[in-house]
Amino acid sequence: VRHFADGRRQIEHVLLPGDPLPFEREASYPATIVALTPVTLIDLDGP
């Protein structure tokens, strides 16, 4: 999502079950990510 100073919001892309959140490992998030419903996340990274 992208928030505007006057309170408006644009949902730029909807994330669905199975979608990863990041686009690159060594990077930063290019947009704010908001839960539209209650969500469950898992971290796939690990040993």
All heavy atoms as atom14 arrays in JSON, in Angstrom:
{
  "sequence": "VRHFADGRRQIEHVLLPGDPLPFEREASYPATIVALTPVTLIDLDGP",
  "atom14_mask": [
    [1, 1, 1, 1, 1, 1, 1, 0, 0, 0, 0, 0, 0, 0],
    [1, 1, 1, 1, 1, 1, 1, 1, 1, 1, 1, 0, 0, 0],
    [1, 1, 1, 1, 1, 1, 1, 1, 1, 1, 0, 0, 0, 0],
    [1, 1, 1, 1, 1, 1, 1, 1, 1, 1, 1, 0, 0, 0],
    [1, 1, 1, 1, 1, 0, 0, 0, 0, 0, 0, 0, 0, 0],
    [1, 1, 1, 1, 1, 1, 1, 1, 0, 0, 0, 0, 0, 0],
    [1, 1, 1, 1, 0, 0, 0, 0, 0, 0, 0, 0, 0, 0],
    [1, 1, 1, 1, 1, 1, 1, 1, 1, 1, 1, 0, 0, 0],
    [1, 1, 1, 1, 1, 1, 1, 1, 1, 1, 1, 0, 0, 0],
    [1, 1, 1, 1, 1, 1, 1, 1, 1, 0, 0, 0, 0, 0],
    [1, 1, 1, 1, 1, 1, 1, 1, 0, 0, 0, 0, 0, 0],
    [1, 1, 1, 1, 1, 1, 1, 1, 1, 0, 0, 0, 0, 0],
    [1, 1, 1, 1, 1, 1, 1, 1, 1, 1, 0, 0, 0, 0],
    [1, 1, 1, 1, 1, 1, 1, 0, 0, 0, 0, 0, 0, 0],
    [1, 1, 1, 1, 1, 1, 1, 1, 0, 0, 0, 0, 0, 0],
    [1, 1, 1, 1, 1, 1, 1, 1, 0, 0, 0, 0, 0, 0],
    [1, 1, 1, 1, 1, 1, 1, 0, 0, 0, 0, 0, 0, 0],
    [1, 1, 1, 1, 0, 0, 0, 0, 0, 0, 0, 0, 0, 0],
    [1, 1, 1, 1, 1, 1, 1, 1, 0, 0, 0, 0, 0, 0],
    [1, 1, 1, 1, 1, 1, 1, 0, 0, 0, 0, 0, 0, 0],
    [1, 1, 1, 1, 1, 1, 1, 1, 0, 0, 0, 0, 0, 0],
    [1, 1, 1, 1, 1, 1, 1, 0, 0, 0, 0, 0, 0, 0],
    [1, 1, 1, 1, 1, 1, 1, 1, 1, 1, 1, 0, 0, 0],
    [1, 1, 1, 1, 1, 1, 1, 1, 1, 0, 0, 0, 0, 0],
    [1, 1, 1, 1, 1, 1, 1, 1, 1, 1, 1, 0, 0, 0],
    [1, 1, 1, 1, 1, 1, 1, 1, 1, 0, 0, 0, 0, 0],
    [1, 1, 1, 1, 1, 0, 0, 0, 0, 0, 0, 0, 0, 0],
    [1, 1, 1, 1, 1, 1, 0, 0, 0, 0, 0, 0, 0, 0],
    [1, 1, 1, 1, 1, 1, 1, 1, 1, 1, 1, 1, 0, 0],
    [1, 1, 1, 1, 1, 1, 1, 0, 0, 0, 0, 0, 0, 0],
    [1, 1, 1, 1, 1, 0, 0, 0, 0, 0, 0, 0, 0, 0],
    [1, 1, 1, 1, 1, 1, 1, 0, 0, 0, 0, 0, 0, 0],
    [1, 1, 1, 1, 1, 1, 1, 1, 0, 0, 0, 0, 0, 0],
    [1, 1, 1, 1, 1, 1, 1, 0, 0, 0, 0, 0, 0, 0],
    [1, 1, 1, 1, 1, 0, 0, 0, 0, 0, 0, 0, 0, 0],
    [1, 1, 1, 1, 1, 1, 1, 1, 0, 0, 0, 0, 0, 0],
    [1, 1, 1, 1, 1, 1, 1, 0, 0, 0, 0, 0, 0, 0],
    [1, 1, 1, 1, 1, 1, 1, 0, 0, 0, 0, 0, 0, 0],
    [1, 1, 1, 1, 1, 1, 1, 0, 0, 0, 0, 0, 0, 0],
    [1, 1, 1, 1, 1, 1, 1, 0, 0, 0, 0, 0, 0, 0],
    [1, 1, 1, 1, 1, 1, 1, 1, 0, 0, 0, 0, 0, 0],
    [1, 1, 1, 1, 1, 1, 1, 1, 0, 0, 0, 0, 0, 0],
    [1, 1, 1, 1, 1, 1, 1, 1, 0, 0, 0, 0, 0, 0],
    [1, 1, 1, 1, 1, 1, 1, 1, 0, 0, 0, 0, 0, 0],
    [1, 1, 1, 1, 1, 1, 1, 1, 0, 0, 0, 0, 0, 0],
    [1, 1, 1, 1, 0, 0, 0, 0, 0, 0, 0, 0, 0, 0],
    [1, 1, 1, 1, 1, 1, 1, 0, 0, 0, 0, 0, 0, 0]
  ],
  "atom14_positions": [
    [[0.83, -1.21, 0.0], [0.0, 0.0, 0.0], [0.86, 1.25, 0.0], [2.02, 1.24, 0.42], [-0.95, 0.03, 1.23], [-1.84, -1.19, 1.27], [-0.16, 0.15, 2.52], [0.0, 0.0, 0.0], [0.0, 0.0, 0.0], [0.0, 0.0, 0.0], [0.0, 0.0, 0.0], [0.0, 0.0, 0.0], [0.0, 0.0, 0.0], [0.0, 0.0, 0.0]],
    [[0.27, 2.33, -0.48], [0.88, 3.66, -0.44], [-0.1, 4.6, 0.24], [-1.26, 4.71, -0.16], [1.18, 4.14, -1.86], [1.82, 5.53, -1.94], [3.19, 5.59, -1.28], [4.08, 4.57, -1.82], [4.84, 4.75, -2.9], [4.8, 5.89, -3.57], [5.65, 3.79, -3.3], [0.0, 0.0, 0.0], [0.0, 0.0, 0.0], [0.0, 0.0, 0.0]],
    [[0.36, 5.26, 1.31], [-0.49, 6.19, 2.05], [-0.15, 7.62, 1.65], [1.02, 7.96, 1.42], [-0.27, 6.02, 3.56], [-0.77, 4.72, 4.1], [0.07, 3.63, 4.31], [-2.01, 4.32, 4.45], [-0.63, 2.62, 4.77], [-1.9, 3.0, 4.87], [0.0, 0.0, 0.0], [0.0, 0.0, 0.0], [0.0, 0.0, 0.0], [0.0, 0.0, 0.0]],
    [[-1.19, 8.45, 1.57], [-1.02, 9.86, 1.23], [-1.25, 10.72, 2.47], [-1.92, 10.3, 3.42], [-1.98, 10.25, 0.11], [-1.69, 9.55, -1.19], [-2.26, 8.31, -1.47], [-0.85, 10.11, -2.13], [-1.99, 7.65, -2.65], [-0.57, 9.47, -3.33], [-1.14, 8.23, -3.59], [0.0, 0.0, 0.0], [0.0, 0.0, 0.0], [0.0, 0.0, 0.0]],
    [[-0.7, 11.91, 2.43], [-0.74, 12.79, 3.61], [-2.15, 13.14, 4.04], [-2.41, 13.38, 5.22], [0.06, 14.07, 3.32], [0.0, 0.0, 0.0], [0.0, 0.0, 0.0], [0.0, 0.0, 0.0], [0.0, 0.0, 0.0], [0.0, 0.0, 0.0], [0.0, 0.0, 0.0], [0.0, 0.0, 0.0], [0.0, 0.0, 0.0], [0.0, 0.0, 0.0]],
    [[-3.09, 13.16, 3.09], [-4.47, 13.54, 3.44], [-5.31, 12.35, 3.9], [-6.53, 12.47, 4.08], [-5.13, 14.24, 2.25], [-5.24, 13.34, 1.02], [-4.82, 12.17, 1.1], [-5.72, 13.82, -0.02], [0.0, 0.0, 0.0], [0.0, 0.0, 0.0], [0.0, 0.0, 0.0], [0.0, 0.0, 0.0], [0.0, 0.0, 0.0], [0.0, 0.0, 0.0]],
    [[-4.67, 11.19, 4.08], [-5.4, 10.03, 4.59], [-5.83, 9.03, 3.52], [-6.28, 7.93, 3.85], [0.0, 0.0, 0.0], [0.0, 0.0, 0.0], [0.0, 0.0, 0.0], [0.0, 0.0, 0.0], [0.0, 0.0, 0.0], [0.0, 0.0, 0.0], [0.0, 0.0, 0.0], [0.0, 0.0, 0.0], [0.0, 0.0, 0.0], [0.0, 0.0, 0.0]],
    [[-5.7, 9.41, 2.24], [-6.05, 8.46, 1.19], [-5.04, 7.33, 1.12], [-3.91, 7.45, 1.59], [-6.12, 9.17, -0.17], [-7.3, 10.12, -0.32], [-7.23, 10.84, -1.65], [-6.01, 11.65, -1.75], [-5.55, 12.16, -2.89], [-6.19, 11.92, -4.03], [-4.46, 12.9, -2.88], [0.0, 0.0, 0.0], [0.0, 0.0, 0.0], [0.0, 0.0, 0.0]],
    [[-5.47, 6.22, 0.51], [-4.62, 5.04, 0.41], [-4.81, 4.38, -0.95], [-5.93, 4.32, -1.46], [-4.98, 4.04, 1.52], [-4.2, 2.74, 1.49], [-4.63, 1.8, 2.6], [-5.93, 1.2, 2.36], [-6.43, 0.18, 3.04], [-5.74, -0.33, 4.05], [-7.62, -0.31, 2.76], [0.0, 0.0, 0.0], [0.0, 0.0, 0.0], [0.0, 0.0, 0.0]],
    [[-3.72, 3.94, -1.54], [-3.8, 3.14, -2.76], [-3.26, 1.74, -2.46], [-2.13, 1.59, -2.01], [-2.96, 3.77, -3.88], [-2.95, 2.96, -5.17], [-4.31, 2.92, -5.86], [-4.95, 3.95, -6.0], [-4.73, 1.73, -6.28], [0.0, 0.0, 0.0], [0.0, 0.0, 0.0], [0.0, 0.0, 0.0], [0.0, 0.0, 0.0], [0.0, 0.0, 0.0]],
    [[-4.1, 0.73, -2.68], [-3.62, -0.64, -2.6], [-2.99, -0.96, -3.94], [-3.67, -1.05, -4.96], [-4.77, -1.62, -2.27], [-5.26, -1.35, -0.84], [-4.32, -3.06, -2.45], [-6.41, -2.25, -0.41], [0.0, 0.0, 0.0], [0.0, 0.0, 0.0], [0.0, 0.0, 0.0], [0.0, 0.0, 0.0], [0.0, 0.0, 0.0], [0.0, 0.0, 0.0]],
    [[-1.67, -1.14, -3.95], [-0.94, -1.31, -5.19], [-0.93, -2.75, -5.67], [-0.86, -3.01, -6.88], [0.5, -0.81, -5.0], [0.56, 0.69, -4.65], [1.94, 1.16, -4.29], [2.64, 0.43, -3.54], [2.34, 2.23, -4.76], [0.0, 0.0, 0.0], [0.0, 0.0, 0.0], [0.0, 0.0, 0.0], [0.0, 0.0, 0.0], [0.0, 0.0, 0.0]],
    [[-0.98, -3.69, -4.73], [-0.95, -5.11, -5.11], [-1.46, -5.93, -3.93], [-1.05, -5.71, -2.79], [0.47, -5.54, -5.47], [0.6, -6.98, -5.85], [-0.07, -7.54, -6.92], [1.3, -8.0, -5.28], [0.24, -8.82, -7.01], [1.06, -9.13, -6.02], [0.0, 0.0, 0.0], [0.0, 0.0, 0.0], [0.0, 0.0, 0.0], [0.0, 0.0, 0.0]],
    [[-2.34, -6.87, -4.21], [-2.89, -7.74, -3.18], [-2.02, -9.0, -3.06], [-1.68, -9.62, -4.07], [-4.34, -8.14, -3.49], [-4.87, -9.12, -2.45], [-5.23, -6.9, -3.56], [0.0, 0.0, 0.0], [0.0, 0.0, 0.0], [0.0, 0.0, 0.0], [0.0, 0.0, 0.0], [0.0, 0.0, 0.0], [0.0, 0.0, 0.0], [0.0, 0.0, 0.0]],
    [[-1.64, -9.33, -1.84], [-0.86, -10.54, -1.56], [-1.8, -11.63, -1.09], [-2.63, -11.4, -0.2], [0.21, -10.25, -0.51], [1.28, -9.23, -0.91], [2.08, -8.81, 0.31], [2.2, -9.8, -1.97], [0.0, 0.0, 0.0], [0.0, 0.0, 0.0], [0.0, 0.0, 0.0], [0.0, 0.0, 0.0], [0.0, 0.0, 0.0], [0.0, 0.0, 0.0]],
    [[-1.64, -12.82, -1.65], [-2.52, -13.95, -1.37], [-1.75, -15.07, -0.69], [-0.51, -15.08, -0.7], [-3.14, -14.45, -2.68], [-3.91, -13.43, -3.51], [-4.37, -14.06, -4.82], [-5.1, -12.88, -2.72], [0.0, 0.0, 0.0], [0.0, 0.0, 0.0], [0.0, 0.0, 0.0], [0.0, 0.0, 0.0], [0.0, 0.0, 0.0], [0.0, 0.0, 0.0]],
    [[-2.45, -16.03, -0.08], [-1.76, -17.16, 0.57], [-0.75, -17.82, -0.37], [-1.05, -18.1, -1.53], [-2.9, -18.1, 0.93], [-4.06, -17.19, 1.16], [-3.91, -16.1, 0.13], [0.0, 0.0, 0.0], [0.0, 0.0, 0.0], [0.0, 0.0, 0.0], [0.0, 0.0, 0.0], [0.0, 0.0, 0.0], [0.0, 0.0, 0.0], [0.0, 0.0, 0.0]],
    [[0.45, -18.03, 0.15], [1.53, -18.61, -0.63], [2.52, -17.6, -1.16], [3.62, -17.96, -1.59], [0.0, 0.0, 0.0], [0.0, 0.0, 0.0], [0.0, 0.0, 0.0], [0.0, 0.0, 0.0], [0.0, 0.0, 0.0], [0.0, 0.0, 0.0], [0.0, 0.0, 0.0], [0.0, 0.0, 0.0], [0.0, 0.0, 0.0], [0.0, 0.0, 0.0]],
    [[2.15, -16.31, -1.14], [3.04, -15.28, -1.69], [4.15, -14.92, -0.7], [3.87, -14.65, 0.47], [2.26, -14.0, -2.01], [1.48, -14.1, -3.31], [1.78, -15.0, -4.12], [0.58, -13.27, -3.52], [0.0, 0.0, 0.0], [0.0, 0.0, 0.0], [0.0, 0.0, 0.0], [0.0, 0.0, 0.0], [0.0, 0.0, 0.0], [0.0, 0.0, 0.0]],
    [[5.41, -14.87, -1.17], [6.48, -14.3, -0.33], [6.26, -12.79, -0.17], [5.67, -12.14, -1.03], [7.75, -14.59, -1.14], [7.37, -15.65, -2.12], [5.92, -15.41, -2.44], [0.0, 0.0, 0.0], [0.0, 0.0, 0.0], [0.0, 0.0, 0.0], [0.0, 0.0, 0.0], [0.0, 0.0, 0.0], [0.0, 0.0, 0.0], [0.0, 0.0, 0.0]],
    [[6.76, -12.25, 0.93], [6.67, -10.81, 1.14], [7.84, -10.05, 0.52], [7.62, -9.06, -0.16], [6.57, -10.48, 2.64], [5.4, -11.08, 3.42], [5.33, -10.43, 4.8], [4.08, -10.89, 2.69], [0.0, 0.0, 0.0], [0.0, 0.0, 0.0], [0.0, 0.0, 0.0], [0.0, 0.0, 0.0], [0.0, 0.0, 0.0], [0.0, 0.0, 0.0]],
    [[9.1, -10.47, 0.76], [10.21, -9.69, 0.19], [10.43, -10.0, -1.27], [10.0, -11.04, -1.79], [11.42, -10.14, 1.04], [11.09, -11.53, 1.45], [9.58, -11.56, 1.63], [0.0, 0.0, 0.0], [0.0, 0.0, 0.0], [0.0, 0.0, 0.0], [0.0, 0.0, 0.0], [0.0, 0.0, 0.0], [0.0, 0.0, 0.0], [0.0, 0.0, 0.0]],
    [[11.11, -9.08, -1.95], [11.5, -9.28, -3.34], [12.99, -9.62, -3.46], [13.41, -10.24, -4.42], [11.19, -8.03, -4.17], [9.73, -7.73, -4.23], [9.21, -6.59, -3.65], [8.85, -8.59, -4.88], [7.85, -6.31, -3.72], [7.5, -8.33, -4.95], [7.0, -7.18, -4.36], [0.0, 0.0, 0.0], [0.0, 0.0, 0.0], [0.0, 0.0, 0.0]],
    [[13.78, -9.18, -2.5], [15.2, -9.49, -2.46], [15.6, -9.75, -1.02], [15.05, -9.15, -0.09], [16.04, -8.34, -3.01], [15.87, -8.03, -4.48], [16.78, -6.89, -4.92], [18.01, -7.11, -5.02], [16.27, -5.78, -5.13], [0.0, 0.0, 0.0], [0.0, 0.0, 0.0], [0.0, 0.0, 0.0], [0.0, 0.0, 0.0], [0.0, 0.0, 0.0]],
    [[16.58, -10.64, -0.85], [17.03, -10.97, 0.5], [17.77, -9.79, 1.14], [17.47, -9.4, 2.26], [17.95, -12.19, 0.44], [18.47, -12.65, 1.8], [19.62, -13.61, 1.6], [19.19, -14.79, 0.85], [18.63, -15.86, 1.41], [18.46, -15.9, 2.71], [18.29, -16.9, 0.68], [0.0, 0.0, 0.0], [0.0, 0.0, 0.0], [0.0, 0.0, 0.0]],
    [[18.75, -9.25, 0.45], [19.57, -8.16, 0.99], [19.04, -6.83, 0.47], [19.67, -6.15, -0.32], [21.04, -8.36, 0.59], [21.63, -9.69, 1.01], [21.72, -9.83, 2.53], [21.8, -8.8, 3.22], [21.71, -10.98, 3.01], [0.0, 0.0, 0.0], [0.0, 0.0, 0.0], [0.0, 0.0, 0.0], [0.0, 0.0, 0.0], [0.0, 0.0, 0.0]],
    [[17.85, -6.46, 0.9], [17.23, -5.23, 0.4], [16.28, -4.71, 1.47], [16.27, -5.17, 2.61], [16.49, -5.5, -0.92], [0.0, 0.0, 0.0], [0.0, 0.0, 0.0], [0.0, 0.0, 0.0], [0.0, 0.0, 0.0], [0.0, 0.0, 0.0], [0.0, 0.0, 0.0], [0.0, 0.0, 0.0], [0.0, 0.0, 0.0], [0.0, 0.0, 0.0]],
    [[15.47, -3.73, 1.09], [14.45, -3.2, 1.98], [13.1, -3.35, 1.29], [13.03, -3.55, 0.07], [14.72, -1.74, 2.32], [14.79, -0.97, 1.13], [0.0, 0.0, 0.0], [0.0, 0.0, 0.0], [0.0, 0.0, 0.0], [0.0, 0.0, 0.0], [0.0, 0.0, 0.0], [0.0, 0.0, 0.0], [0.0, 0.0, 0.0], [0.0, 0.0, 0.0]],
    [[12.04, -3.26, 2.07], [10.7, -3.38, 1.49], [10.39, -2.13, 0.67], [10.52, -1.02, 1.17], [9.67, -3.57, 2.59], [9.72, -4.94, 3.22], [10.36, -5.16, 4.43], [9.13, -6.03, 2.58], [10.42, -6.42, 5.0], [9.18, -7.3, 3.15], [9.82, -7.49, 4.36], [9.88, -8.74, 4.91], [0.0, 0.0, 0.0], [0.0, 0.0, 0.0]],
    [[9.96, -2.3, -0.6], [9.7, -1.14, -1.46], [8.38, -0.45, -1.16], [8.11, 0.64, -1.69], [9.67, -1.75, -2.86], [9.18, -3.15, -2.63], [9.74, -3.58, -1.3], [0.0, 0.0, 0.0], [0.0, 0.0, 0.0], [0.0, 0.0, 0.0], [0.0, 0.0, 0.0], [0.0, 0.0, 0.0], [0.0, 0.0, 0.0], [0.0, 0.0, 0.0]],
    [[7.54, -1.06, -0.35], [6.25, -0.47, 0.0], [5.84, -0.99, 1.36], [6.35, -2.02, 1.84], [5.19, -0.83, -1.04], [0.0, 0.0, 0.0], [0.0, 0.0, 0.0], [0.0, 0.0, 0.0], [0.0, 0.0, 0.0], [0.0, 0.0, 0.0], [0.0, 0.0, 0.0], [0.0, 0.0, 0.0], [0.0, 0.0, 0.0], [0.0, 0.0, 0.0]],
    [[4.94, -0.29, 2.0], [4.39, -0.77, 3.26], [3.45, -1.94, 2.99], [2.69, -1.93, 2.02], [3.63, 0.37, 3.96], [4.58, 1.41, 4.29], [2.98, -0.1, 5.26], [0.0, 0.0, 0.0], [0.0, 0.0, 0.0], [0.0, 0.0, 0.0], [0.0, 0.0, 0.0], [0.0, 0.0, 0.0], [0.0, 0.0, 0.0], [0.0, 0.0, 0.0]],
    [[3.53, -2.96, 3.85], [2.67, -4.14, 3.72], [1.71, -4.16, 4.89], [2.12, -4.1, 6.06], [3.5, -5.43, 3.68], [4.51, -5.39, 2.53], [2.59, -6.64, 3.53], [5.42, -6.59, 2.46], [0.0, 0.0, 0.0], [0.0, 0.0, 0.0], [0.0, 0.0, 0.0], [0.0, 0.0, 0.0], [0.0, 0.0, 0.0], [0.0, 0.0, 0.0]],
    [[0.42, -4.23, 4.58], [-0.64, -4.18, 5.59], [-1.48, -5.45, 5.49], [-1.78, -5.93, 4.39], [-1.52, -2.94, 5.39], [-2.72, -2.97, 6.33], [-0.72, -1.67, 5.61], [0.0, 0.0, 0.0], [0.0, 0.0, 0.0], [0.0, 0.0, 0.0], [0.0, 0.0, 0.0], [0.0, 0.0, 0.0], [0.0, 0.0, 0.0], [0.0, 0.0, 0.0]],
    [[-1.86, -6.0, 6.64], [-2.77, -7.15, 6.66], [-4.19, -6.66, 6.36], [-4.72, -5.82, 7.08], [-2.72, -7.83, 8.03], [0.0, 0.0, 0.0], [0.0, 0.0, 0.0], [0.0, 0.0, 0.0], [0.0, 0.0, 0.0], [0.0, 0.0, 0.0], [0.0, 0.0, 0.0], [0.0, 0.0, 0.0], [0.0, 0.0, 0.0], [0.0, 0.0, 0.0]],
    [[-4.79, -7.18, 5.3], [-6.18, -6.84, 4.99], [-7.15, -7.68, 5.79], [-8.3, -7.29, 6.01], [-6.44, -7.04, 3.49], [-5.57, -6.19, 2.54], [-5.93, -6.51, 1.09], [-5.73, -4.7, 2.82], [0.0, 0.0, 0.0], [0.0, 0.0, 0.0], [0.0, 0.0, 0.0], [0.0, 0.0, 0.0], [0.0, 0.0, 0.0], [0.0, 0.0, 0.0]],
    [[-6.71, -8.86, 6.19], [-7.45, -9.77, 7.06], [-6.47, -10.27, 8.11], [-5.27, -9.99, 8.0], [-8.0, -10.97, 6.27], [-6.88, -11.82, 5.89], [-8.75, -10.55, 5.02], [0.0, 0.0, 0.0], [0.0, 0.0, 0.0], [0.0, 0.0, 0.0], [0.0, 0.0, 0.0], [0.0, 0.0, 0.0], [0.0, 0.0, 0.0], [0.0, 0.0, 0.0]],
    [[-6.91, -11.01, 9.11], [-5.93, -11.67, 9.96], [-5.04, -12.59, 9.11], [-5.55, -13.31, 8.25], [-6.79, -12.48, 10.94], [-8.11, -11.77, 10.95], [-8.3, -11.25, 9.56], [0.0, 0.0, 0.0], [0.0, 0.0, 0.0], [0.0, 0.0, 0.0], [0.0, 0.0, 0.0], [0.0, 0.0, 0.0], [0.0, 0.0, 0.0], [0.0, 0.0, 0.0]],
    [[-3.73, -12.53, 9.31], [-2.82, -13.32, 8.49], [-1.89, -14.17, 9.36], [-1.63, -13.86, 10.53], [-1.97, -12.44, 7.55], [-2.84, -11.57, 6.67], [-0.99, -11.59, 8.33], [0.0, 0.0, 0.0], [0.0, 0.0, 0.0], [0.0, 0.0, 0.0], [0.0, 0.0, 0.0], [0.0, 0.0, 0.0], [0.0, 0.0, 0.0], [0.0, 0.0, 0.0]],
    [[-1.43, -15.24, 8.76], [-0.41, -16.1, 9.36], [0.79, -16.09, 8.44], [0.67, -16.33, 7.23], [-0.92, -17.54, 9.52], [-2.11, -17.53, 10.31], [0.13, -18.41, 10.21], [0.0, 0.0, 0.0], [0.0, 0.0, 0.0], [0.0, 0.0, 0.0], [0.0, 0.0, 0.0], [0.0, 0.0, 0.0], [0.0, 0.0, 0.0], [0.0, 0.0, 0.0]],
    [[1.96, -15.83, 9.0], [3.2, -15.78, 8.24], [4.16, -16.84, 8.75], [4.18, -17.15, 9.95], [3.87, -14.4, 8.39], [3.05, -13.18, 7.98], [3.67, -11.93, 8.57], [2.97, -13.07, 6.48], [0.0, 0.0, 0.0], [0.0, 0.0, 0.0], [0.0, 0.0, 0.0], [0.0, 0.0, 0.0], [0.0, 0.0, 0.0], [0.0, 0.0, 0.0]],
    [[4.97, -17.39, 7.85], [6.06, -18.26, 8.27], [7.34, -17.77, 7.61], [7.32, -17.2, 6.52], [5.82, -19.73, 7.92], [5.72, -19.94, 6.4], [4.6, -20.28, 8.63], [5.79, -21.4, 6.0], [0.0, 0.0, 0.0], [0.0, 0.0, 0.0], [0.0, 0.0, 0.0], [0.0, 0.0, 0.0], [0.0, 0.0, 0.0], [0.0, 0.0, 0.0]],
    [[8.46, -17.98, 8.31], [9.77, -17.6, 7.79], [10.4, -18.85, 7.18], [10.71, -19.81, 7.88], [10.64, -17.06, 8.92], [11.98, -16.54, 8.42], [12.22, -16.55, 7.19], [12.81, -16.13, 9.26], [0.0, 0.0, 0.0], [0.0, 0.0, 0.0], [0.0, 0.0, 0.0], [0.0, 0.0, 0.0], [0.0, 0.0, 0.0], [0.0, 0.0, 0.0]],
    [[10.58, -18.83, 5.86], [11.12, -19.99, 5.17], [12.63, -20.12, 5.35], [13.18, -21.2, 5.19], [10.8, -19.9, 3.67], [11.05, -21.15, 2.84], [10.17, -22.29, 3.3], [10.83, -20.87, 1.37], [0.0, 0.0, 0.0], [0.0, 0.0, 0.0], [0.0, 0.0, 0.0], [0.0, 0.0, 0.0], [0.0, 0.0, 0.0], [0.0, 0.0, 0.0]],
    [[13.29, -19.03, 5.68], [14.74, -19.06, 5.83], [15.12, -19.87, 7.07], [14.38, -19.89, 8.05], [15.29, -17.64, 5.95], [16.68, -17.5, 5.38], [17.23, -18.51, 4.91], [17.21, -16.38, 5.39], [0.0, 0.0, 0.0], [0.0, 0.0, 0.0], [0.0, 0.0, 0.0], [0.0, 0.0, 0.0], [0.0, 0.0, 0.0], [0.0, 0.0, 0.0]],
    [[16.25, -20.53, 7.01], [16.68, -21.3, 8.18], [17.77, -22.28, 7.82], [18.16, -22.42, 6.65], [0.0, 0.0, 0.0], [0.0, 0.0, 0.0], [0.0, 0.0, 0.0], [0.0, 0.0, 0.0], [0.0, 0.0, 0.0], [0.0, 0.0, 0.0], [0.0, 0.0, 0.0], [0.0, 0.0, 0.0], [0.0, 0.0, 0.0], [0.0, 0.0, 0.0]],
    [[18.28, -22.99, 8.8], [19.4, -23.92, 8.56], [19.06, -25.1, 7.67], [19.96, -25.79, 7.18], [19.78, -24.39, 9.98], [18.53, -24.18, 10.79], [17.87, -22.97, 10.21], [0.0, 0.0, 0.0], [0.0, 0.0, 0.0], [0.0, 0.0, 0.0], [0.0, 0.0, 0.0], [0.0, 0.0, 0.0], [0.0, 0.0, 0.0], [0.0, 0.0, 0.0]]
  ]
}
